[in-house]
């Protein structure tokens, strides 16, 4: 049993509501499927991929950068913002992070971008949920195998997750953040 599951069981002895992911997020999209022409090796807006999501953080180092025109066109669909949760869905599946701030980020297809509905789900709680052993096992089991493993958005949106009340989510996040800080030095 994961630490997240243990905490939910301890704080919600009568159980918690299980809801499909699409019902606790207001946005669930993937990044750009085709890289636009005109990207450069330096610029204003980074174009990131699954390789930039590691250890619960987003590494802003990029090989490809977009200018204002490309960013404006490509951002219309994803509209990445602070508090969004990203999940790698092609190649290395299952790494997640919360977007801490956004001064303009574009993601490639290998990353799913989700906006938790504030009335239902805290971003950090969703990230911890996605990192849990149960969800990681589900992602691996449901990934399609090919040149690169991948999982479809329509599968992710049907993912059944536990959703305790927001005050319980906040306490669980506080405990898990404290634990992570102590173990990641």
Protein backbone atom coordinates (compact mmCIF):
# COMPACT_ATOMS: atom_id res chain seq x y z
CA UNK A 1 0.00 0.00 0.00
CA UNK A 2 1.36 3.45 -0.90
CA UNK A 3 1.82 6.21 1.66
CA UNK A 4 -0.96 8.13 -0.11
CA UNK A 5 -3.36 5.20 0.32
CA UNK A 6 -2.36 4.79 3.96
CA UNK A 7 -3.03 8.46 4.68
CA UNK A 8 -6.41 8.40 2.93
CA UNK A 9 -7.41 5.28 4.85
CA UNK A 10 -6.32 6.88 8.12
CA UNK A 11 -8.00 10.25 7.50
CA UNK A 12 -11.13 8.90 5.79
CA UNK A 13 -11.95 5.63 7.58
CA UNK A 14 -15.37 5.49 5.88
CA UNK A 15 -13.72 5.60 2.47
CA UNK A 16 -13.47 8.26 -0.21
CA UNK A 17 -15.33 8.99 -3.40
CA UNK A 18 -13.84 7.38 -6.53
CA UNK A 19 -14.29 9.51 -9.62
CA UNK A 20 -13.06 9.36 -13.21
CA UNK A 21 -10.30 11.86 -13.86
CA UNK A 22 -12.22 13.82 -16.50
CA UNK A 23 -14.73 14.80 -13.78
CA UNK A 24 -12.11 16.49 -11.57
CA UNK A 25 -10.21 18.39 -14.26
CA UNK A 26 -11.39 21.26 -16.43
CA UNK A 27 -8.74 20.61 -19.08
CA UNK A 28 -7.04 17.42 -20.27
CA UNK A 29 -5.03 17.82 -23.47
CA UNK A 30 -1.74 16.69 -24.91
CA UNK A 31 0.96 18.85 -26.40
CA UNK A 32 1.73 19.62 -30.03
CA UNK A 33 1.53 16.62 -32.35
CA UNK A 34 3.61 18.24 -35.08
CA UNK A 35 6.43 20.63 -34.39
CA UNK A 36 5.84 23.87 -36.28
CA UNK A 37 8.35 25.26 -38.75
CA UNK A 38 10.36 28.17 -37.46
CA UNK A 39 11.49 26.76 -34.10
CA UNK A 40 15.01 27.81 -33.20
CA UNK A 41 17.76 26.70 -30.82
CA UNK A 42 17.15 29.74 -28.65
CA UNK A 43 14.23 32.07 -28.25
CA UNK A 44 11.50 33.29 -25.96
CA UNK A 45 9.32 30.22 -25.30
CA UNK A 46 10.68 26.72 -24.57
CA UNK A 47 9.22 23.70 -26.36
CA UNK A 48 9.43 20.88 -23.82
CA UNK A 49 8.86 17.12 -23.97
CA UNK A 50 8.66 14.13 -21.63
CA UNK A 51 12.43 14.29 -21.10
CA UNK A 52 11.92 17.64 -19.32
CA UNK A 53 9.65 16.09 -16.66
CA UNK A 54 11.82 14.41 -14.03
CA UNK A 55 11.80 13.97 -10.27
CA UNK A 56 8.54 15.88 -9.89
CA UNK A 57 9.91 18.98 -11.60
CA UNK A 58 9.88 20.61 -15.00
CA UNK A 59 13.36 21.27 -16.40
CA UNK A 60 13.11 24.39 -18.55
CA UNK A 61 16.24 23.59 -20.59
CA UNK A 62 15.12 23.17 -24.17
CA UNK A 63 16.64 22.34 -27.54
CA UNK A 64 13.76 24.01 -29.35
CA UNK A 65 12.32 27.47 -28.77
CA UNK A 66 9.36 29.36 -30.23
CA UNK A 67 8.93 33.02 -31.06
CA UNK A 68 5.84 35.13 -30.24
CA UNK A 69 4.00 34.17 -33.44
CA UNK A 70 4.46 30.41 -33.03
CA UNK A 71 3.69 30.57 -29.31
CA UNK A 72 0.48 32.53 -29.87
CA UNK A 73 -0.74 30.01 -32.46
CA UNK A 74 0.26 26.83 -30.58
CA UNK A 75 -0.79 27.97 -27.08
CA UNK A 76 -4.45 28.38 -28.11
CA UNK A 77 -5.15 24.69 -27.45
CA UNK A 78 -3.01 23.89 -24.43
CA UNK A 79 -2.90 27.20 -22.52
CA UNK A 80 -0.46 25.89 -19.92
CA UNK A 81 -0.68 27.83 -16.66
CA UNK A 82 0.67 27.73 -13.12
CA UNK A 83 -1.04 24.96 -11.15
CA UNK A 84 -1.56 22.71 -14.17
CA UNK A 85 -0.39 19.14 -13.72
CA UNK A 86 1.68 17.51 -16.46
CA UNK A 87 2.07 13.78 -17.04
CA UNK A 88 4.39 12.05 -19.48
CA UNK A 89 2.36 9.83 -21.82
CA UNK A 90 4.77 8.78 -24.59
CA UNK A 91 8.16 7.13 -24.16
CA UNK A 92 8.72 7.15 -20.42
CA UNK A 93 5.16 7.04 -19.11
CA UNK A 94 4.01 8.30 -15.74
CA UNK A 95 6.35 11.10 -14.66
CA UNK A 96 4.43 14.08 -13.33
CA UNK A 97 4.92 17.63 -12.07
CA UNK A 98 2.93 20.70 -11.15
CA UNK A 99 3.63 23.75 -13.30
CA UNK A 100 5.05 26.21 -10.74
CA UNK A 101 4.83 29.32 -12.92
CA UNK A 102 4.34 29.96 -16.56
CA UNK A 103 5.91 32.66 -18.60
CA UNK A 104 5.10 30.72 -21.74
CA UNK A 105 5.69 26.99 -22.16
CA UNK A 106 4.80 24.73 -25.05
CA UNK A 107 4.79 20.95 -24.72
CA UNK A 108 5.16 18.25 -27.34
CA UNK A 109 2.71 15.35 -27.73
CA UNK A 110 4.61 13.26 -25.14
CA UNK A 111 3.10 15.34 -22.31
CA UNK A 112 -0.49 15.54 -21.10
CA UNK A 113 -1.57 18.82 -19.51
CA UNK A 114 -4.39 18.85 -16.93
CA UNK A 115 -6.04 21.68 -15.04
CA UNK A 116 -7.56 20.38 -11.79
CA UNK A 117 -11.00 21.83 -11.01
CA UNK A 118 -10.32 23.97 -7.89
CA UNK A 119 -13.57 22.88 -6.25
CA UNK A 120 -12.62 19.18 -6.51
CA UNK A 121 -8.86 18.64 -6.67
CA UNK A 122 -5.67 20.31 -5.51
CA UNK A 123 -2.87 20.26 -8.12
CA UNK A 124 -0.32 18.74 -5.71
CA UNK A 125 -2.81 16.10 -4.60
CA UNK A 126 -3.44 15.13 -8.23
CA UNK A 127 0.33 14.89 -8.77
CA UNK A 128 0.73 12.63 -5.72
CA UNK A 129 -2.21 10.54 -6.95
CA UNK A 130 -0.61 10.14 -10.39
CA UNK A 131 2.67 9.15 -8.71
CA UNK A 132 1.02 6.48 -6.52
CA UNK A 133 1.89 2.84 -7.07
CA UNK A 134 -1.68 1.96 -8.10
CA UNK A 135 -1.83 4.61 -10.80
CA UNK A 136 1.71 3.94 -12.03
CA UNK A 137 0.83 0.22 -12.36
CA UNK A 138 -2.38 1.13 -14.21
CA UNK A 139 -0.49 3.40 -16.62
CA UNK A 140 2.06 0.69 -17.41
CA UNK A 141 -0.64 -1.97 -17.82
CA UNK A 142 -2.72 0.21 -20.16
CA UNK A 143 0.07 1.65 -22.29
CA UNK A 144 0.14 0.60 -25.91
CA UNK A 145 3.38 -0.92 -27.07
CA UNK A 146 5.07 0.17 -30.26
CA UNK A 147 8.21 2.02 -31.27
CA UNK A 148 7.60 4.01 -28.10
CA UNK A 149 5.15 3.06 -25.37
CA UNK A 150 2.23 5.45 -25.07
CA UNK A 151 -1.14 5.94 -23.48
CA UNK A 152 -4.08 7.72 -25.08
CA UNK A 153 -5.89 10.70 -23.57
CA UNK A 154 -9.21 8.82 -23.80
CA UNK A 155 -7.71 6.17 -21.49
CA UNK A 156 -6.33 8.73 -19.05
CA UNK A 157 -9.62 10.61 -18.79
CA UNK A 158 -11.33 7.37 -17.65
CA UNK A 159 -8.76 6.75 -14.93
CA UNK A 160 -10.60 6.13 -11.65
CA UNK A 161 -9.06 8.11 -8.78
CA UNK A 162 -9.81 8.60 -5.10
CA UNK A 163 -10.98 12.11 -4.25
CA UNK A 164 -11.14 12.95 -0.55
CA UNK A 165 -12.53 16.31 0.61
CA UNK A 166 -10.26 19.32 -0.09
CA UNK A 167 -9.22 19.79 3.58
CA UNK A 168 -8.06 16.16 3.66
CA UNK A 169 -6.21 16.67 0.36
CA UNK A 170 -4.47 19.71 1.86
CA UNK A 171 -3.36 17.76 4.94
CA UNK A 172 -2.14 14.82 2.86
CA UNK A 173 -0.18 17.18 0.60
CA UNK A 174 1.35 18.87 3.65
CA UNK A 175 2.47 15.49 5.06
CA UNK A 176 3.78 14.16 1.74
CA UNK A 177 5.59 17.43 0.93
CA UNK A 178 7.27 17.31 4.35
CA UNK A 179 8.26 13.68 3.78
CA UNK A 180 9.57 14.47 0.27
CA UNK A 181 11.59 17.44 1.56
CA UNK A 182 13.16 15.26 4.27
CA UNK A 183 14.08 12.50 1.78
CA UNK A 184 15.17 14.65 -1.15
CA UNK A 185 17.36 16.88 0.98
